[in-house]
Amino acid sequence: MKKSKIIIIFIVIAIFITSLIAKRDVDLTSYNINQYKCIGCQACLAACPVQAISLRNGKAVIDQSKCIQCGICVNGNYADYQGCPVKAINLPIAEESLSNQTEVDQ
């Protein structure tokens, strides 16, 4: 009986830690790609002027260290790329919005 309780507690703690890590991976002040919406079409890869977007496991990901926050991946380049066809790229949330949301949450 004690071993099963310990195992359950361990599993709950592991799930909690995993959810915290998953939330931390999404930077709300940077462009991010929703992995559920991305269809892996690679259109954003060619449009990115600094090659900050690559494909990982068939889905686009943004290397935040390379990203210059130009917004071409979302808005298009006003020539041949009109932006993500499935709207999988999220705009960064302004710092002011984040601080207002934090105040509301408290």
PDB file of N, CA and C in Angstrom:
ATOM      1  N   MET A   1       0.818  -1.195   0.000  1.00  0.00           N
ATOM      2  CA  MET A   1       0.000   0.000   0.000  1.00  0.00           C
ATOM      3  C   MET A   1       0.862   1.259   0.000  1.00  0.00           C
ATOM      4  N   LYS A   2       1.909   1.275   0.792  1.00  0.00           N
ATOM      5  CA  LYS A   2       2.766   2.447   0.855  1.00  0.00           C
ATOM      6  C   LYS A   2       3.500   2.683  -0.458  1.00  0.00           C
ATOM      7  N   LYS A   3       3.939   1.602  -1.117  1.00  0.00           N
ATOM      8  CA  LYS A   3       4.655   1.744  -2.381  1.00  0.00           C
ATOM      9  C   LYS A   3       3.761   2.345  -3.446  1.00  0.00           C
ATOM     10  N   SER A   4       2.500   1.949  -3.486  1.00  0.00           N
ATOM     11  CA  SER A   4       1.595   2.491  -4.506  1.00  0.00           C
ATOM     12  C   SER A   4       1.333   3.973  -4.261  1.00  0.00           C
ATOM     13  N   LYS A   5       1.236   4.386  -3.004  1.00  0.00           N
ATOM     14  CA  LYS A   5       1.055   5.803  -2.696  1.00  0.00           C
ATOM     15  C   LYS A   5       2.281   6.613  -3.115  1.00  0.00           C
ATOM     16  N   ILE A   6       3.449   6.086  -2.865  1.00  0.00           N
ATOM     17  CA  ILE A   6       4.690   6.764  -3.242  1.00  0.00           C
ATOM     18  C   ILE A   6       4.783   6.889  -4.754  1.00  0.00           C
ATOM     19  N   ILE A   7       4.415   5.840  -5.457  1.00  0.00           N
ATOM     20  CA  ILE A   7       4.451   5.866  -6.924  1.00  0.00           C
ATOM     21  C   ILE A   7       3.468   6.902  -7.456  1.00  0.00           C
ATOM     22  N   ILE A   8       2.281   6.956  -6.904  1.00  0.00           N
ATOM     23  CA  ILE A   8       1.272   7.932  -7.335  1.00  0.00           C
ATOM     24  C   ILE A   8       1.762   9.347  -7.074  1.00  0.00           C
ATOM     25  N   ILE A   9       2.323   9.586  -5.905  1.00  0.00           N
ATOM     26  CA  ILE A   9       2.853  10.915  -5.579  1.00  0.00           C
ATOM     27  C   ILE A   9       3.976  11.277  -6.542  1.00  0.00           C
ATOM     28  N   PHE A  10       4.853  10.340  -6.833  1.00  0.00           N
ATOM     29  CA  PHE A  10       5.947  10.579  -7.772  1.00  0.00           C
ATOM     30  C   PHE A  10       5.409  10.946  -9.156  1.00  0.00           C
ATOM     31  N   ILE A  11       4.389  10.240  -9.620  1.00  0.00           N
ATOM     32  CA  ILE A  11       3.801  10.509 -10.937  1.00  0.00           C
ATOM     33  C   ILE A  11       3.172  11.891 -10.968  1.00  0.00           C
ATOM     34  N   VAL A  12       2.444  12.253  -9.908  1.00  0.00           N
ATOM     35  CA  VAL A  12       1.818  13.582  -9.843  1.00  0.00           C
ATOM     36  C   VAL A  12       2.886  14.678  -9.874  1.00  0.00           C
ATOM     37  N   ILE A  13       3.953  14.500  -9.127  1.00  0.00           N
ATOM     38  CA  ILE A  13       5.038  15.486  -9.116  1.00  0.00           C
ATOM     39  C   ILE A  13       5.695  15.576 -10.491  1.00  0.00           C
ATOM     40  N   ALA A  14       5.912  14.447 -11.138  1.00  0.00           N
ATOM     41  CA  ALA A  14       6.524  14.442 -12.473  1.00  0.00           C
ATOM     42  C   ALA A  14       5.637  15.169 -13.479  1.00  0.00           C
ATOM     43  N   ILE A  15       4.342  14.955 -13.412  1.00  0.00           N
ATOM     44  CA  ILE A  15       3.410  15.643 -14.319  1.00  0.00           C
ATOM     45  C   ILE A  15       3.435  17.143 -14.051  1.00  0.00           C
ATOM     46  N   PHE A  16       3.457  17.532 -12.798  1.00  0.00           N
ATOM     47  CA  PHE A  16       3.500  18.948 -12.436  1.00  0.00           C
ATOM     48  C   PHE A  16       4.771  19.613 -12.961  1.00  0.00           C
ATOM     49  N   ILE A  17       5.898  18.984 -12.762  1.00  0.00           N
ATOM     50  CA  ILE A  17       7.174  19.535 -13.227  1.00  0.00           C
ATOM     51  C   ILE A  17       7.191  19.621 -14.754  1.00  0.00           C
ATOM     52  N   THR A  18       6.689  18.609 -15.423  1.00  0.00           N
ATOM     53  CA  THR A  18       6.637  18.613 -16.879  1.00  0.00           C
ATOM     54  C   THR A  18       5.772  19.756 -17.395  1.00  0.00           C
ATOM     55  N   SER A  19       4.636  20.006 -16.747  1.00  0.00           N
ATOM     56  CA  SER A  19       3.769  21.099 -17.184  1.00  0.00           C
ATOM     57  C   SER A  19       4.442  22.448 -16.973  1.00  0.00           C
ATOM     58  N   LEU A  20       5.206  22.597 -15.900  1.00  0.00           N
ATOM     59  CA  LEU A  20       5.936  23.849 -15.674  1.00  0.00           C
ATOM     60  C   LEU A  20       6.996  24.070 -16.747  1.00  0.00           C
ATOM     61  N   ILE A  21       7.701  23.019 -17.106  1.00  0.00           N
ATOM     62  CA  ILE A  21       8.730  23.113 -18.134  1.00  0.00           C
ATOM     63  C   ILE A  21       8.098  23.444 -19.476  1.00  0.00           C
ATOM     64  N   ALA A  22       6.980  22.839 -19.799  1.00  0.00           N
ATOM     65  CA  ALA A  22       6.296  23.093 -21.075  1.00  0.00           C
ATOM     66  C   ALA A  22       5.852  24.541 -21.158  1.00  0.00           C
ATOM     67  N   LYS A  23       5.350  25.104 -20.074  1.00  0.00           N
ATOM     68  CA  LYS A  23       4.922  26.504 -20.076  1.00  0.00           C
ATOM     69  C   LYS A  23       6.119  27.431 -20.228  1.00  0.00           C
ATOM     70  N   ARG A  24       7.243  27.060 -19.662  1.00  0.00           N
ATOM     71  CA  ARG A  24       8.432  27.895 -19.713  1.00  0.00           C
ATOM     72  C   ARG A  24       9.038  27.917 -21.117  1.00  0.00           C
ATOM     73  N   ASP A  25       8.812  26.861 -21.909  1.00  0.00           N
ATOM     74  CA  ASP A  25       9.367  26.779 -23.253  1.00  0.00           C
ATOM     75  C   ASP A  25       8.761  27.795 -24.209  1.00  0.00           C
ATOM     76  N   VAL A  26       7.562  28.272 -23.929  1.00  0.00           N
ATOM     77  CA  VAL A  26       6.909  29.233 -24.812  1.00  0.00           C
ATOM     78  C   VAL A  26       7.215  30.629 -24.305  1.00  0.00           C
ATOM     79  N   ASP A  27       7.938  31.386 -25.095  1.00  0.00           N
ATOM     80  CA  ASP A  27       8.283  32.758 -24.756  1.00  0.00           C
ATOM     81  C   ASP A  27       7.198  33.656 -25.317  1.00  0.00           C
ATOM     82  N   LEU A  28       6.412  34.279 -24.446  1.00  0.00           N
ATOM     83  CA  LEU A  28       5.286  35.085 -24.897  1.00  0.00           C
ATOM     84  C   LEU A  28       5.700  36.423 -25.488  1.00  0.00           C
ATOM     85  N   THR A  29       6.972  36.777 -25.389  1.00  0.00           N
ATOM     86  CA  THR A  29       7.427  38.041 -25.962  1.00  0.00           C
ATOM     87  C   THR A  29       8.141  37.828 -27.290  1.00  0.00           C
ATOM     88  N   SER A  30       8.102  36.621 -27.813  1.00  0.00           N
ATOM     89  CA  SER A  30       8.743  36.300 -29.082  1.00  0.00           C
ATOM     90  C   SER A  30       7.756  35.574 -29.986  1.00  0.00           C
ATOM     91  N   TYR A  31       8.057  35.547 -31.275  1.00  0.00           N
ATOM     92  CA  TYR A  31       7.245  34.779 -32.209  1.00  0.00           C
ATOM     93  C   TYR A  31       7.415  33.294 -31.901  1.00  0.00           C
ATOM     94  N   ASN A  32       6.321  32.571 -31.911  1.00  0.00           N
ATOM     95  CA  ASN A  32       6.329  31.136 -31.657  1.00  0.00           C
ATOM     96  C   ASN A  32       5.434  30.438 -32.662  1.00  0.00           C
ATOM     97  N   ILE A  33       5.701  29.179 -32.909  1.00  0.00           N
ATOM     98  CA  ILE A  33       4.910  28.400 -33.854  1.00  0.00           C
ATOM     99  C   ILE A  33       4.117  27.360 -33.091  1.00  0.00           C
ATOM    100  N   ASN A  34       2.809  27.379 -33.299  1.00  0.00           N
ATOM    101  CA  ASN A  34       1.924  26.402 -32.685  1.00  0.00           C
ATOM    102  C   ASN A  34       2.133  25.071 -33.399  1.00  0.00           C
ATOM    103  N   GLN A  35       2.697  24.107 -32.701  1.00  0.00           N
ATOM    104  CA  GLN A  35       3.039  22.819 -33.302  1.00  0.00           C
ATOM    105  C   GLN A  35       1.811  22.015 -33.722  1.00  0.00           C
ATOM    106  N   TYR A  36       0.665  22.307 -33.121  1.00  0.00           N
ATOM    107  CA  TYR A  36      -0.557  21.602 -33.502  1.00  0.00           C
ATOM    108  C   TYR A  36      -1.134  22.133 -34.805  1.00  0.00           C
ATOM    109  N   LYS A  37      -0.944  23.429 -35.062  1.00  0.00           N
ATOM    110  CA  LYS A  37      -1.477  24.028 -36.286  1.00  0.00           C
ATOM    111  C   LYS A  37      -0.534  23.884 -37.473  1.00  0.00           C
ATOM    112  N   CYS A  38       0.779  23.852 -37.215  1.00  0.00           N
ATOM    113  CA  CYS A  38       1.772  23.804 -38.292  1.00  0.00           C
ATOM    114  C   CYS A  38       1.575  22.562 -39.158  1.00  0.00           C
ATOM    115  N   ILE A  39       1.573  22.775 -40.472  1.00  0.00           N
ATOM    116  CA  ILE A  39       1.411  21.655 -41.402  1.00  0.00           C
ATOM    117  C   ILE A  39       2.734  21.286 -42.073  1.00  0.00           C
ATOM    118  N   GLY A  40       3.813  21.948 -41.679  1.00  0.00           N
ATOM    119  CA  GLY A  40       5.130  21.616 -42.218  1.00  0.00           C
ATOM    120  C   GLY A  40       5.309  21.981 -43.682  1.00  0.00           C
ATOM    121  N   CYS A  41       4.629  23.018 -44.148  1.00  0.00           N
ATOM    122  CA  CYS A  41       4.690  23.381 -45.570  1.00  0.00           C
ATOM    123  C   CYS A  41       6.023  24.028 -45.961  1.00  0.00           C
ATOM    124  N   GLN A  42       6.778  24.514 -45.004  1.00  0.00           N
ATOM    125  CA  GLN A  42       8.105  25.099 -45.179  1.00  0.00           C
ATOM    126  C   GLN A  42       8.103  26.473 -45.848  1.00  0.00           C
ATOM    127  N   ALA A  43       6.949  27.073 -46.039  1.00  0.00           N
ATOM    128  CA  ALA A  43       6.891  28.396 -46.669  1.00  0.00           C
ATOM    129  C   ALA A  43       7.609  29.443 -45.819  1.00  0.00           C
ATOM    130  N   CYS A  44       7.474  29.365 -44.514  1.00  0.00           N
ATOM    131  CA  CYS A  44       8.113  30.345 -43.632  1.00  0.00           C
ATOM    132  C   CYS A  44       9.632  30.192 -43.618  1.00  0.00           C
ATOM    133  N   LEU A  45      10.127  28.986 -43.858  1.00  0.00           N
ATOM    134  CA  LEU A  45      11.576  28.764 -43.872  1.00  0.00           C
ATOM    135  C   LEU A  45      12.238  29.619 -44.948  1.00  0.00           C
ATOM    136  N   ALA A  46      11.665  29.594 -46.137  1.00  0.00           N
ATOM    137  CA  ALA A  46      12.236  30.352 -47.253  1.00  0.00           C
ATOM    138  C   ALA A  46      12.040  31.855 -47.067  1.00  0.00           C
ATOM    139  N   ALA A  47      10.972  32.251 -46.371  1.00  0.00           N
ATOM    140  CA  ALA A  47      10.670  33.677 -46.215  1.00  0.00           C
ATOM    141  C   ALA A  47      11.510  34.356 -45.132  1.00  0.00           C
ATOM    142  N   CYS A  48      11.995  33.612 -44.172  1.00  0.00           N
ATOM    143  CA  CYS A  48      12.750  34.206 -43.064  1.00  0.00           C
ATOM    144  C   CYS A  48      14.082  34.764 -43.571  1.00  0.00           C
ATOM    145  N   PRO A  49      14.307  36.071 -43.386  1.00  0.00           N
ATOM    146  CA  PRO A  49      15.529  36.674 -43.912  1.00  0.00           C
ATOM    147  C   PRO A  49      16.813  36.279 -43.193  1.00  0.00           C
ATOM    148  N   VAL A  50      16.688  35.727 -41.992  1.00  0.00           N
ATOM    149  CA  VAL A  50      17.886  35.360 -41.222  1.00  0.00           C
ATOM    150  C   VAL A  50      17.956  33.860 -40.946  1.00  0.00           C
ATOM    151  N   GLN A  51      17.146  33.078 -41.646  1.00  0.00           N
ATOM    152  CA  GLN A  51      17.111  31.613 -41.493  1.00  0.00           C
ATOM    153  C   GLN A  51      16.958  31.184 -40.030  1.00  0.00           C
ATOM    154  N   ALA A  52      16.062  31.878 -39.314  1.00  0.00           N
ATOM    155  CA  ALA A  52      15.809  31.538 -37.916  1.00  0.00           C
ATOM    156  C   ALA A  52      14.794  30.412 -37.781  1.00  0.00           C
ATOM    157  N   ILE A  53      14.133  30.057 -38.881  1.00  0.00           N
ATOM    158  CA  ILE A  53      13.112  29.017 -38.834  1.00  0.00           C
ATOM    159  C   ILE A  53      13.653  27.763 -39.509  1.00  0.00           C
ATOM    160  N   SER A  54      13.467  26.643 -38.834  1.00  0.00           N
ATOM    161  CA  SER A  54      13.900  25.359 -39.393  1.00  0.00           C
ATOM    162  C   SER A  54      12.805  24.328 -39.142  1.00  0.00           C
ATOM    163  N   LEU A  55      12.991  23.168 -39.710  1.00  0.00           N
ATOM    164  CA  LEU A  55      12.031  22.081 -39.544  1.00  0.00           C
ATOM    165  C   LEU A  55      12.578  21.069 -38.551  1.00  0.00           C
ATOM    166  N   ARG A  56      11.744  20.695 -37.590  1.00  0.00           N
ATOM    167  CA  ARG A  56      12.107  19.668 -36.622  1.00  0.00           C
ATOM    168  C   ARG A  56      10.911  18.725 -36.491  1.00  0.00           C
ATOM    169  N   ASN A  57      11.127  17.470 -36.791  1.00  0.00           N
ATOM    170  CA  ASN A  57      10.059  16.465 -36.749  1.00  0.00           C
ATOM    171  C   ASN A  57       8.871  16.869 -37.626  1.00  0.00           C
ATOM    172  N   GLY A  58       9.168  17.465 -38.775  1.00  0.00           N
ATOM    173  CA  GLY A  58       8.131  17.821 -39.727  1.00  0.00           C
ATOM    174  C   GLY A  58       7.369  19.086 -39.399  1.00  0.00           C
ATOM    175  N   LYS A  59       7.789  19.821 -38.372  1.00  0.00           N
ATOM    176  CA  LYS A  59       7.121  21.060 -37.963  1.00  0.00           C
ATOM    177  C   LYS A  59       8.146  22.184 -37.899  1.00  0.00           C
ATOM    178  N   ALA A  60       7.707  23.389 -38.209  1.00  0.00           N
ATOM    179  CA  ALA A  60       8.595  24.547 -38.159  1.00  0.00           C
ATOM    180  C   ALA A  60       8.840  24.969 -36.711  1.00  0.00           C
ATOM    181  N   VAL A  61      10.074  25.376 -36.423  1.00  0.00           N
ATOM    182  CA  VAL A  61      10.445  25.919 -35.115  1.00  0.00           C
ATOM    183  C   VAL A  61      11.291  27.164 -35.340  1.00  0.00           C
ATOM    184  N   ILE A  62      11.194  28.108 -34.412  1.00  0.00           N
ATOM    185  CA  ILE A  62      11.951  29.354 -34.511  1.00  0.00           C
ATOM    186  C   ILE A  62      13.102  29.328 -33.523  1.00  0.00           C
ATOM    187  N   ASP A  63      14.311  29.567 -34.027  1.00  0.00           N
ATOM    188  CA  ASP A  63      15.487  29.700 -33.169  1.00  0.00           C
ATOM    189  C   ASP A  63      15.481  31.134 -32.645  1.00  0.00           C
ATOM    190  N   GLN A  64      15.117  31.302 -31.392  1.00  0.00           N
ATOM    191  CA  GLN A  64      14.958  32.640 -30.816  1.00  0.00           C
ATOM    192  C   GLN A  64      16.275  33.424 -30.792  1.00  0.00           C
ATOM    193  N   SER A  65      17.399  32.728 -30.790  1.00  0.00           N
ATOM    194  CA  SER A  65      18.682  33.437 -30.781  1.00  0.00           C
ATOM    195  C   SER A  65      18.988  34.075 -32.132  1.00  0.00           C
ATOM    196  N   LYS A  66      18.354  33.584 -33.203  1.00  0.00           N
ATOM    197  CA  LYS A  66      18.550  34.144 -34.540  1.00  0.00           C
ATOM    198  C   LYS A  66      17.445  35.115 -34.953  1.00  0.00           C
ATOM    199  N   CYS A  67      16.251  34.946 -34.374  1.00  0.00           N
ATOM    200  CA  CYS A  67      15.078  35.732 -34.771  1.00  0.00           C
ATOM    201  C   CYS A  67      15.302  37.223 -34.510  1.00  0.00           C
ATOM    202  N   ILE A  68      14.973  38.049 -35.511  1.00  0.00           N
ATOM    203  CA  ILE A  68      15.137  39.503 -35.389  1.00  0.00           C
ATOM    204  C   ILE A  68      13.789  40.201 -35.204  1.00  0.00           C
ATOM    205  N   GLN A  69      12.725  39.430 -34.972  1.00  0.00           N
ATOM    206  CA  GLN A  69      11.391  39.966 -34.694  1.00  0.00           C
ATOM    207  C   GLN A  69      10.854  40.840 -35.838  1.00  0.00           C
ATOM    208  N   CYS A  70      11.169  40.478 -37.074  1.00  0.00           N
ATOM    209  CA  CYS A  70      10.737  41.275 -38.218  1.00  0.00           C
ATOM    210  C   CYS A  70       9.268  41.071 -38.564  1.00  0.00           C
ATOM    211  N   GLY A  71       8.695  39.917 -38.200  1.00  0.00           N
ATOM    212  CA  GLY A  71       7.289  39.651 -38.440  1.00  0.00           C
ATOM    213  C   GLY A  71       6.952  39.135 -39.821  1.00  0.00           C
ATOM    214  N   ILE A  72       7.952  38.917 -40.661  1.00  0.00           N
ATOM    215  CA  ILE A  72       7.685  38.414 -42.009  1.00  0.00           C
ATOM    216  C   ILE A  72       7.016  37.048 -41.953  1.00  0.00           C
ATOM    217  N   CYS A  73       7.370  36.234 -41.000  1.00  0.00           N
ATOM    218  CA  CYS A  73       6.778  34.900 -40.892  1.00  0.00           C
ATOM    219  C   CYS A  73       5.270  34.965 -40.672  1.00  0.00           C
ATOM    220  N   VAL A  74       4.800  36.013 -40.029  1.00  0.00           N
ATOM    221  CA  VAL A  74       3.371  36.166 -39.759  1.00  0.00           C
ATOM    222  C   VAL A  74       2.683  36.988 -40.844  1.00  0.00           C
ATOM    223  N   ASN A  75       3.261  38.131 -41.172  1.00  0.00           N
ATOM    224  CA  ASN A  75       2.610  39.097 -42.060  1.00  0.00           C
ATOM    225  C   ASN A  75       2.940  38.934 -43.531  1.00  0.00           C
ATOM    226  N   GLY A  76       3.979  38.204 -43.849  1.00  0.00           N
ATOM    227  CA  GLY A  76       4.400  38.062 -45.235  1.00  0.00           C
ATOM    228  C   GLY A  76       5.461  39.095 -45.591  1.00  0.00           C
ATOM    229  N   ASN A  77       5.995  38.959 -46.805  1.00  0.00           N
ATOM    230  CA  ASN A  77       7.057  39.870 -47.245  1.00  0.00           C
ATOM    231  C   ASN A  77       6.571  40.853 -48.312  1.00  0.00           C
ATOM    232  N   TYR A  78       5.270  40.934 -48.483  1.00  0.00           N
ATOM    233  CA  TYR A  78       4.634  41.837 -49.442  1.00  0.00           C
ATOM    234  C   TYR A  78       5.078  41.567 -50.873  1.00  0.00           C
ATOM    235  N   ALA A  79       5.513  40.352 -51.151  1.00  0.00           N
ATOM    236  CA  ALA A  79       5.888  39.945 -52.507  1.00  0.00           C
ATOM    237  C   ALA A  79       5.291  38.567 -52.762  1.00  0.00           C
ATOM    238  N   ASP A  80       6.076  37.548 -52.566  1.00  0.00           N
ATOM    239  CA  ASP A  80       5.625  36.195 -52.882  1.00  0.00           C
ATOM    240  C   ASP A  80       5.143  35.391 -51.673  1.00  0.00           C
ATOM    241  N   TYR A  81       5.354  35.863 -50.460  1.00  0.00           N
ATOM    242  CA  TYR A  81       4.947  35.139 -49.263  1.00  0.00           C
ATOM    243  C   TYR A  81       3.915  35.978 -48.518  1.00  0.00           C
ATOM    244  N   GLN A  82       2.758  35.401 -48.285  1.00  0.00           N
ATOM    245  CA  GLN A  82       1.646  36.128 -47.658  1.00  0.00           C
ATOM    246  C   GLN A  82       1.486  35.837 -46.168  1.00  0.00           C
ATOM    247  N   GLY A  83       2.442  35.157 -45.582  1.00  0.00           N
ATOM    248  CA  GLY A  83       2.340  34.779 -44.176  1.00  0.00           C
ATOM    249  C   GLY A  83       1.940  33.319 -44.054  1.00  0.00           C
ATOM    250  N   CYS A  84       1.950  32.832 -42.858  1.00  0.00           N
ATOM    251  CA  CYS A  84       1.629  31.422 -42.609  1.00  0.00           C
ATOM    252  C   CYS A  84       0.225  31.108 -43.124  1.00  0.00           C
ATOM    253  N   PRO A  85       0.109  30.106 -44.002  1.00  0.00           N
ATOM    254  CA  PRO A  85      -1.201  29.798 -44.586  1.00  0.00           C
ATOM    255  C   PRO A  85      -2.218  29.237 -43.593  1.00  0.00           C
ATOM    256  N   VAL A  86      -1.742  28.697 -42.464  1.00  0.00           N
ATOM    257  CA  VAL A  86      -2.666  28.143 -41.471  1.00  0.00           C
ATOM    258  C   VAL A  86      -2.638  28.928 -40.160  1.00  0.00           C
ATOM    259  N   LYS A  87      -1.993  30.089 -40.183  1.00  0.00           N
ATOM    260  CA  LYS A  87      -1.920  30.968 -39.008  1.00  0.00           C
ATOM    261  C   LYS A  87      -1.363  30.246 -37.779  1.00  0.00           C
ATOM    262  N   ALA A  88      -0.299  29.476 -38.002  1.00  0.00           N
ATOM    263  CA  ALA A  88       0.310  28.718 -36.906  1.00  0.00           C
ATOM    264  C   ALA A  88       1.341  29.534 -36.134  1.00  0.00           C
ATOM    265  N   ILE A  89       1.727  30.698 -36.665  1.00  0.00           N
ATOM    266  CA  ILE A  89       2.750  31.508 -35.998  1.00  0.00           C
ATOM    267  C   ILE A  89       2.064  32.556 -35.137  1.00  0.00           C
ATOM    268  N   ASN A  90       2.438  32.568 -33.866  1.00  0.00           N
ATOM    269  CA  ASN A  90       1.828  33.480 -32.898  1.00  0.00           C
ATOM    270  C   ASN A  90       2.640  34.754 -32.771  1.00  0.00           C
ATOM    271  N   LEU A  91       1.931  35.874 -32.728  1.00  0.00           N
ATOM    272  CA  LEU A  91       2.567  37.159 -32.496  1.00  0.00           C
ATOM    273  C   LEU A  91       3.043  37.246 -31.058  1.00  0.00           C
ATOM    274  N   PRO A  92       4.127  37.961 -30.827  1.00  0.00           N
ATOM    275  CA  PRO A  92       4.551  38.146 -29.438  1.00  0.00           C
ATOM    276  C   PRO A  92       3.558  39.050 -28.716  1.00  0.00           C
ATOM    277  N   ILE A  93       3.378  38.788 -27.442  1.00  0.00           N
ATOM    278  CA  ILE A  93       2.515  39.624 -26.617  1.00  0.00           C
ATOM    279  C   ILE A  93       3.370  40.745 -26.058  1.00  0.00           C
ATOM    280  N   ALA A  94       2.873  41.952 -26.146  1.00  0.00           N
ATOM    281  CA  ALA A  94       3.624  43.109 -25.647  1.00  0.00           C
ATOM    282  C   ALA A  94       3.877  42.965 -24.150  1.00  0.00           C
ATOM    283  N   GLU A  95       5.005  43.473 -23.701  1.00  0.00           N
ATOM    284  CA  GLU A  95       5.364  43.412 -22.288  1.00  0.00           C
ATOM    285  C   GLU A  95       4.280  44.047 -21.419  1.00  0.00           C
ATOM    286  N   GLU A  96       3.649  45.136 -21.913  1.00  0.00           N
ATOM    287  CA  GLU A  96       2.598  45.800 -21.146  1.00  0.00           C
ATOM    288  C   GLU A  96       1.422  44.864 -20.930  1.00  0.00           C
ATOM    289  N   SER A  97       1.064  44.102 -21.960  1.00  0.00           N
ATOM    290  CA  SER A  97      -0.046  43.159 -21.838  1.00  0.00           C
ATOM    291  C   SER A  97       0.272  42.089 -20.819  1.00  0.00           C
ATOM    292  N   LEU A  98       1.524  41.631 -20.812  1.00  0.00           N
ATOM    293  CA  LEU A  98       1.924  40.606 -19.851  1.00  0.00           C
ATOM    294  C   LEU A  98       1.839  41.138 -18.429  1.00  0.00           C
ATOM    295  N   SER A  99       2.298  42.362 -18.192  1.00  0.00           N
ATOM    296  CA  SER A  99       2.255  42.911 -16.843  1.00  0.00           C
ATOM    297  C   SER A  99       0.814  43.151 -16.414  1.00  0.00           C
ATOM    298  N   ASN A 100      -0.054  43.595 -17.347  1.00  0.00           N
ATOM    299  CA  ASN A 100      -1.472  43.780 -17.010  1.00  0.00           C
ATOM    300  C   ASN A 100      -2.129  42.460 -16.686  1.00  0.00           C
ATOM    301  N   GLN A 101      -1.798  41.408 -17.445  1.00  0.00           N
ATOM    302  CA  GLN A 101      -2.372  40.096 -17.204  1.00  0.00           C
ATOM    303  C   GLN A 101      -1.897  39.548 -15.863  1.00  0.00           C
ATOM    304  N   THR A 102      -0.630  39.774 -15.508  1.00  0.00           N
ATOM    305  CA  THR A 102      -0.106  39.320 -14.230  1.00  0.00           C
ATOM    306  C   THR A 102      -0.825  40.010 -13.090  1.00  0.00           C
ATOM    307  N   GLU A 103      -1.101  41.316 -13.239  1.00  0.00           N
ATOM    308  CA  GLU A 103      -1.818  42.045 -12.192  1.00  0.00           C
ATOM    309  C   GLU A 103      -3.229  41.506 -12.027  1.00  0.00           C
ATOM    310  N   VAL A 104      -3.885  41.157 -13.117  1.00  0.00           N
ATOM    311  CA  VAL A 104      -5.236  40.602 -13.053  1.00  0.00           C
ATOM    312  C   VAL A 104      -5.219  39.248 -12.385  1.00  0.00           C
ATOM    313  N   ASP A 105      -4.210  38.413 -12.701  1.00  0.00           N
ATOM    314  CA  ASP A 105      -4.105  37.071 -12.138  1.00  0.00           C
ATOM    315  C   ASP A 105      -3.887  37.102 -10.622  1.00  0.00           C
ATOM    316  N   GLN A 106      -3.223  38.138 -10.150  1.00  0.00           N
ATOM    317  CA  GLN A 106      -2.913  38.221  -8.728  1.00  0.00           C
ATOM    318  C   GLN A 106      -4.147  38.643  -7.998  1.00  0.00           C
TER     319      GLN A 106
END
